[in-house]
Amino acid sequence: MADNANPNDFEAGLKPLWLRAQAGDDHAYRQALERIATRLRAYLRRRMQSLPDDLEDLVQETLLALHLQRGTYDPALPVSAWVLAIARHKLVDLWRRRGRHEALHDAIDDVDESALVAAGCGESEARRDLGKLLDDLPEAQRQAILLTKVQGLSVAEASQRTGASESAIKVQVHRGLKRLAALVKG
């Protein structure tokens, strides 16, 4: 999957692991997923240069899809081709979601400043509502969201402040925002 590595070498090392994993070998499964994750990061990094913060989330989403769809793998085909097909679908899904999400937002230059002043009047109500919603989250998710989304810290800064890994912060923010969205939708 990476352009700079020989795909035959990668496949030759991966396929026996994957076949053993399909037969129930947990150790082989973990090794296969580690190799796949390393290769996915390189593959997706080149294709997601405009979305670097989403890289790890997409790698994890792809690994989850591989796990859920592992029964669809055809042993007559290269494992790397099957993985690459799933990764491409996940990447296209991300681009579609991003396109829809970005289309919902107005450019800052298009916003009427008088509307901003009027919106500022309800700031205390918004803080109260946000506080109530955040109270419904587990502590790790609440803290990760407060640090990164409310206080504006980077993931690395939030990681240093909490002692959690950067990946853990990203996961907690993702899960917390997903839960908040569900709470808001009711």
C-alpha atoms as a PDB file:
ATOM      1  CA  MET A   1       0.000   0.000   0.000  1.00  0.00           C
ATOM      2  CA  ALA A   2       2.889   2.433   0.554  1.00  0.00           C
ATOM      3  CA  ASP A   3       4.532   3.631  -2.604  1.00  0.00           C
ATOM      4  CA  ASN A   4       8.077   3.336  -1.238  1.00  0.00           C
ATOM      5  CA  ALA A   5       7.820  -0.268  -0.048  1.00  0.00           C
ATOM      6  CA  ASN A   6       7.610  -3.379  -2.139  1.00  0.00           C
ATOM      7  CA  PRO A   7       3.946  -4.429  -1.972  1.00  0.00           C
ATOM      8  CA  ASN A   8       4.936  -8.066  -2.549  1.00  0.00           C
ATOM      9  CA  ASP A   9       7.111  -8.070   0.601  1.00  0.00           C
ATOM     10  CA  PHE A  10       4.300  -6.525   2.611  1.00  0.00           C
ATOM     11  CA  GLU A  11       1.768  -9.031   1.284  1.00  0.00           C
ATOM     12  CA  ALA A  12       4.154 -11.960   1.789  1.00  0.00           C
ATOM     13  CA  GLY A  13       4.498 -11.065   5.466  1.00  0.00           C
ATOM     14  CA  LEU A  14       0.873 -10.146   6.028  1.00  0.00           C
ATOM     15  CA  LYS A  15      -1.028 -12.950   4.319  1.00  0.00           C
ATOM     16  CA  PRO A  16       0.223 -15.843   6.508  1.00  0.00           C
ATOM     17  CA  LEU A  17      -0.518 -13.764   9.622  1.00  0.00           C
ATOM     18  CA  TRP A  18      -3.991 -12.902   8.373  1.00  0.00           C
ATOM     19  CA  LEU A  19      -4.810 -16.498   7.492  1.00  0.00           C
ATOM     20  CA  ARG A  20      -3.695 -17.633  10.963  1.00  0.00           C
ATOM     21  CA  ALA A  21      -5.752 -14.815  12.458  1.00  0.00           C
ATOM     22  CA  GLN A  22      -8.785 -15.935  10.453  1.00  0.00           C
ATOM     23  CA  ALA A  23      -8.251 -19.406  11.931  1.00  0.00           C
ATOM     24  CA  GLY A  24      -8.466 -17.945  15.453  1.00  0.00           C
ATOM     25  CA  ASP A  25      -4.836 -17.102  16.348  1.00  0.00           C
ATOM     26  CA  ASP A  26      -5.161 -13.961  18.517  1.00  0.00           C
ATOM     27  CA  HIS A  27      -1.434 -13.229  18.490  1.00  0.00           C
ATOM     28  CA  ALA A  28      -1.315 -13.368  14.686  1.00  0.00           C
ATOM     29  CA  TYR A  29      -4.393 -11.123  14.554  1.00  0.00           C
ATOM     30  CA  ARG A  30      -2.726  -8.471  16.720  1.00  0.00           C
ATOM     31  CA  GLN A  31       0.458  -8.649  14.640  1.00  0.00           C
ATOM     32  CA  ALA A  32      -1.500  -8.359  11.394  1.00  0.00           C
ATOM     33  CA  LEU A  33      -3.447  -5.346  12.665  1.00  0.00           C
ATOM     34  CA  GLU A  34      -0.230  -3.651  13.814  1.00  0.00           C
ATOM     35  CA  ARG A  35       1.316  -4.111  10.355  1.00  0.00           C
ATOM     36  CA  ILE A  36      -1.859  -2.939   8.664  1.00  0.00           C
ATOM     37  CA  ALA A  37      -2.154   0.120  10.942  1.00  0.00           C
ATOM     38  CA  THR A  38       1.433   1.168  10.213  1.00  0.00           C
ATOM     39  CA  ARG A  39       0.866   0.839   6.483  1.00  0.00           C
ATOM     40  CA  LEU A  40      -2.533   2.597   6.667  1.00  0.00           C
ATOM     41  CA  ARG A  41      -1.007   5.600   8.430  1.00  0.00           C
ATOM     42  CA  ALA A  42       1.525   6.029   5.629  1.00  0.00           C
ATOM     43  CA  TYR A  43      -1.092   5.486   2.918  1.00  0.00           C
ATOM     44  CA  LEU A  44      -3.658   7.853   4.425  1.00  0.00           C
ATOM     45  CA  ARG A  45      -1.154  10.531   5.519  1.00  0.00           C
ATOM     46  CA  ARG A  46      -0.338  11.258   1.869  1.00  0.00           C
ATOM     47  CA  ARG A  47      -4.007  11.488   0.964  1.00  0.00           C
ATOM     48  CA  MET A  48      -5.115  13.522   3.979  1.00  0.00           C
ATOM     49  CA  GLN A  49      -2.603  16.367   3.992  1.00  0.00           C
ATOM     50  CA  SER A  50      -5.434  18.873   4.376  1.00  0.00           C
ATOM     51  CA  LEU A  51      -6.956  16.892   7.285  1.00  0.00           C
ATOM     52  CA  PRO A  52      -3.982  15.781   9.423  1.00  0.00           C
ATOM     53  CA  ASP A  53      -5.998  15.845  12.661  1.00  0.00           C
ATOM     54  CA  ASP A  54      -8.354  13.208  11.286  1.00  0.00           C
ATOM     55  CA  LEU A  55      -5.637  10.728  10.326  1.00  0.00           C
ATOM     56  CA  GLU A  56      -5.640   8.606  13.469  1.00  0.00           C
ATOM     57  CA  ASP A  57      -9.438   8.582  13.653  1.00  0.00           C
ATOM     58  CA  LEU A  58      -9.621   7.294  10.078  1.00  0.00           C
ATOM     59  CA  VAL A  59      -6.981   4.630  10.753  1.00  0.00           C
ATOM     60  CA  GLN A  60      -9.004   3.436  13.751  1.00  0.00           C
ATOM     61  CA  GLU A  61     -12.254   3.570  11.785  1.00  0.00           C
ATOM     62  CA  THR A  62     -10.656   1.493   9.018  1.00  0.00           C
ATOM     63  CA  LEU A  63      -9.280  -1.060  11.497  1.00  0.00           C
ATOM     64  CA  LEU A  64     -12.724  -1.354  13.061  1.00  0.00           C
ATOM     65  CA  ALA A  65     -14.253  -1.921   9.620  1.00  0.00           C
ATOM     66  CA  LEU A  66     -11.625  -4.598   8.910  1.00  0.00           C
ATOM     67  CA  HIS A  67     -12.518  -6.296  12.171  1.00  0.00           C
ATOM     68  CA  LEU A  68     -16.248  -6.160  11.495  1.00  0.00           C
ATOM     69  CA  GLN A  69     -15.862  -7.270   7.868  1.00  0.00           C
ATOM     70  CA  ARG A  70     -13.126  -9.884   8.379  1.00  0.00           C
ATOM     71  CA  GLY A  71     -15.571 -12.613   7.399  1.00  0.00           C
ATOM     72  CA  THR A  72     -15.821 -11.127   3.899  1.00  0.00           C
ATOM     73  CA  TYR A  73     -12.135 -11.640   3.135  1.00  0.00           C
ATOM     74  CA  ASP A  74     -11.529 -14.036   0.244  1.00  0.00           C
ATOM     75  CA  PRO A  75      -8.285 -16.018   0.827  1.00  0.00           C
ATOM     76  CA  ALA A  76      -7.737 -16.203  -2.935  1.00  0.00           C
ATOM     77  CA  LEU A  77      -7.112 -12.429  -2.985  1.00  0.00           C
ATOM     78  CA  PRO A  78      -4.246 -10.399  -1.529  1.00  0.00           C
ATOM     79  CA  VAL A  79      -4.996  -9.153   1.986  1.00  0.00           C
ATOM     80  CA  SER A  80      -3.481  -5.762   1.140  1.00  0.00           C
ATOM     81  CA  ALA A  81      -5.903  -5.262  -1.765  1.00  0.00           C
ATOM     82  CA  TRP A  82      -8.863  -6.012   0.514  1.00  0.00           C
ATOM     83  CA  VAL A  83      -7.514  -3.637   3.189  1.00  0.00           C
ATOM     84  CA  LEU A  84      -6.852  -0.929   0.619  1.00  0.00           C
ATOM     85  CA  ALA A  85     -10.390  -1.172  -0.758  1.00  0.00           C
ATOM     86  CA  ILE A  86     -11.863  -0.698   2.726  1.00  0.00           C
ATOM     87  CA  ALA A  87      -9.466   2.181   3.477  1.00  0.00           C
ATOM     88  CA  ARG A  88     -10.435   3.931   0.226  1.00  0.00           C
ATOM     89  CA  HIS A  89     -14.124   3.636   1.073  1.00  0.00           C
ATOM     90  CA  LYS A  90     -13.523   5.067   4.534  1.00  0.00           C
ATOM     91  CA  LEU A  91     -11.497   7.938   3.065  1.00  0.00           C
ATOM     92  CA  VAL A  92     -14.212   8.758   0.521  1.00  0.00           C
ATOM     93  CA  ASP A  93     -16.801   8.650   3.336  1.00  0.00           C
ATOM     94  CA  LEU A  94     -14.699  11.127   5.327  1.00  0.00           C
ATOM     95  CA  TRP A  95     -14.384  13.475   2.346  1.00  0.00           C
ATOM     96  CA  ARG A  96     -18.139  13.322   1.791  1.00  0.00           C
ATOM     97  CA  ARG A  97     -18.880  14.030   5.462  1.00  0.00           C
ATOM     98  CA  ARG A  98     -16.379  16.894   5.471  1.00  0.00           C
ATOM     99  CA  GLY A  99     -17.846  18.346   2.293  1.00  0.00           C
ATOM    100  CA  ARG A 100     -21.332  18.337   3.748  1.00  0.00           C
ATOM    101  CA  HIS A 101     -20.103  19.687   7.085  1.00  0.00           C
ATOM    102  CA  GLU A 102     -18.081  22.504   5.499  1.00  0.00           C
ATOM    103  CA  ALA A 103     -21.046  23.477   3.315  1.00  0.00           C
ATOM    104  CA  LEU A 104     -23.096  24.153   6.466  1.00  0.00           C
ATOM    105  CA  HIS A 105     -20.760  26.921   7.633  1.00  0.00           C
ATOM    106  CA  ASP A 106     -20.679  30.475   6.358  1.00  0.00           C
ATOM    107  CA  ALA A 107     -17.374  32.165   5.739  1.00  0.00           C
ATOM    108  CA  ILE A 108     -16.534  34.540   8.598  1.00  0.00           C
ATOM    109  CA  ASP A 109     -16.477  37.457   6.150  1.00  0.00           C
ATOM    110  CA  ASP A 110     -20.141  36.806   5.302  1.00  0.00           C
ATOM    111  CA  VAL A 111     -21.374  37.213   8.893  1.00  0.00           C
ATOM    112  CA  ASP A 112     -23.189  40.415   9.814  1.00  0.00           C
ATOM    113  CA  GLU A 113     -21.372  41.962  12.805  1.00  0.00           C
ATOM    114  CA  SER A 114     -24.615  43.262  14.294  1.00  0.00           C
ATOM    115  CA  ALA A 115     -25.824  39.657  14.495  1.00  0.00           C
ATOM    116  CA  LEU A 116     -22.728  38.813  16.510  1.00  0.00           C
ATOM    117  CA  VAL A 117     -23.510  41.521  19.053  1.00  0.00           C
ATOM    118  CA  ALA A 118     -27.071  40.231  19.389  1.00  0.00           C
ATOM    119  CA  ALA A 119     -25.833  36.678  19.738  1.00  0.00           C
ATOM    120  CA  GLY A 120     -23.463  37.704  22.523  1.00  0.00           C
ATOM    121  CA  CYS A 121     -26.421  38.650  24.726  1.00  0.00           C
ATOM    122  CA  GLY A 122     -27.271  34.981  25.290  1.00  0.00           C
ATOM    123  CA  GLU A 123     -23.711  33.986  26.131  1.00  0.00           C
ATOM    124  CA  SER A 124     -24.445  33.239  29.796  1.00  0.00           C
ATOM    125  CA  GLU A 125     -27.401  31.050  28.798  1.00  0.00           C
ATOM    126  CA  ALA A 126     -25.219  29.206  26.297  1.00  0.00           C
ATOM    127  CA  ARG A 127     -22.537  28.604  28.951  1.00  0.00           C
ATOM    128  CA  ARG A 128     -25.191  27.281  31.338  1.00  0.00           C
ATOM    129  CA  ASP A 129     -26.599  24.959  28.653  1.00  0.00           C
ATOM    130  CA  LEU A 130     -23.134  23.757  27.694  1.00  0.00           C
ATOM    131  CA  GLY A 131     -22.356  23.102  31.354  1.00  0.00           C
ATOM    132  CA  LYS A 132     -25.492  20.987  31.721  1.00  0.00           C
ATOM    133  CA  LEU A 133     -24.653  18.965  28.628  1.00  0.00           C
ATOM    134  CA  LEU A 134     -21.050  18.452  29.685  1.00  0.00           C
ATOM    135  CA  ASP A 135     -22.205  17.252  33.128  1.00  0.00           C
ATOM    136  CA  ASP A 136     -23.789  14.256  31.383  1.00  0.00           C
ATOM    137  CA  LEU A 137     -20.422  13.120  29.994  1.00  0.00           C
ATOM    138  CA  PRO A 138     -17.865  10.868  31.683  1.00  0.00           C
ATOM    139  CA  GLU A 139     -15.053  12.862  33.307  1.00  0.00           C
ATOM    140  CA  ALA A 140     -12.380  11.977  30.719  1.00  0.00           C
ATOM    141  CA  GLN A 141     -14.601  13.057  27.817  1.00  0.00           C
ATOM    142  CA  ARG A 142     -15.715  16.235  29.598  1.00  0.00           C
ATOM    143  CA  GLN A 143     -12.125  17.213  30.418  1.00  0.00           C
ATOM    144  CA  ALA A 144     -10.851  16.485  26.892  1.00  0.00           C
ATOM    145  CA  ILE A 145     -13.615  18.589  25.336  1.00  0.00           C
ATOM    146  CA  LEU A 146     -13.175  21.459  27.781  1.00  0.00           C
ATOM    147  CA  LEU A 147      -9.435  21.614  27.178  1.00  0.00           C
ATOM    148  CA  THR A 148      -9.453  21.276  23.388  1.00  0.00           C
ATOM    149  CA  LYS A 149     -12.766  22.728  22.254  1.00  0.00           C
ATOM    150  CA  VAL A 150     -13.630  25.267  24.947  1.00  0.00           C
ATOM    151  CA  GLN A 151     -10.192  26.444  26.114  1.00  0.00           C
ATOM    152  CA  GLY A 152      -8.659  25.968  22.666  1.00  0.00           C
ATOM    153  CA  LEU A 153      -5.632  23.911  23.707  1.00  0.00           C
ATOM    154  CA  SER A 154      -3.984  21.673  21.154  1.00  0.00           C
ATOM    155  CA  VAL A 155      -4.257  17.920  21.565  1.00  0.00           C
ATOM    156  CA  ALA A 156      -0.590  17.843  22.607  1.00  0.00           C
ATOM    157  CA  GLU A 157      -1.169  20.518  25.275  1.00  0.00           C
ATOM    158  CA  ALA A 158      -4.252  18.722  26.587  1.00  0.00           C
ATOM    159  CA  SER A 159      -2.241  15.504  26.691  1.00  0.00           C
ATOM    160  CA  GLN A 160       0.493  17.153  28.746  1.00  0.00           C
ATOM    161  CA  ARG A 161      -2.005  18.728  31.119  1.00  0.00           C
ATOM    162  CA  THR A 162      -3.961  15.512  31.762  1.00  0.00           C
ATOM    163  CA  GLY A 163      -1.209  12.914  31.453  1.00  0.00           C
ATOM    164  CA  ALA A 164      -3.275  11.007  28.878  1.00  0.00           C
ATOM    165  CA  SER A 165      -1.797  10.143  25.483  1.00  0.00           C
ATOM    166  CA  GLU A 166      -2.617  12.301  22.480  1.00  0.00           C
ATOM    167  CA  SER A 167      -4.511   9.399  20.933  1.00  0.00           C
ATOM    168  CA  ALA A 168      -6.559   9.017  24.113  1.00  0.00           C
ATOM    169  CA  ILE A 169      -7.415  12.730  24.061  1.00  0.00           C
ATOM    170  CA  LYS A 170      -8.548  12.483  20.434  1.00  0.00           C
ATOM    171  CA  VAL A 171     -10.675   9.439  21.187  1.00  0.00           C
ATOM    172  CA  GLN A 172     -12.243  11.078  24.262  1.00  0.00           C
ATOM    173  CA  VAL A 173     -13.056  14.242  22.293  1.00  0.00           C
ATOM    174  CA  HIS A 174     -14.531  12.207  19.438  1.00  0.00           C
ATOM    175  CA  ARG A 175     -16.660  10.062  21.737  1.00  0.00           C
ATOM    176  CA  GLY A 176     -17.696  13.031  23.858  1.00  0.00           C
ATOM    177  CA  LEU A 177     -18.777  15.098  20.858  1.00  0.00           C
ATOM    178  CA  LYS A 178     -20.688  12.129  19.496  1.00  0.00           C
ATOM    179  CA  ARG A 179     -22.481  11.729  22.847  1.00  0.00           C
ATOM    180  CA  LEU A 180     -23.187  15.473  23.036  1.00  0.00           C
ATOM    181  CA  ALA A 181     -24.701  15.381  19.555  1.00  0.00           C
ATOM    182  CA  ALA A 182     -26.941  12.514  20.622  1.00  0.00           C
ATOM    183  CA  LEU A 183     -27.987  14.438  23.755  1.00  0.00           C
ATOM    184  CA  VAL A 184     -28.799  17.546  21.764  1.00  0.00           C
ATOM    185  CA  LYS A 185     -30.842  15.586  19.212  1.00  0.00           C
ATOM    186  CA  GLY A 186     -32.726  14.178  22.165  1.00  0.00           C
END
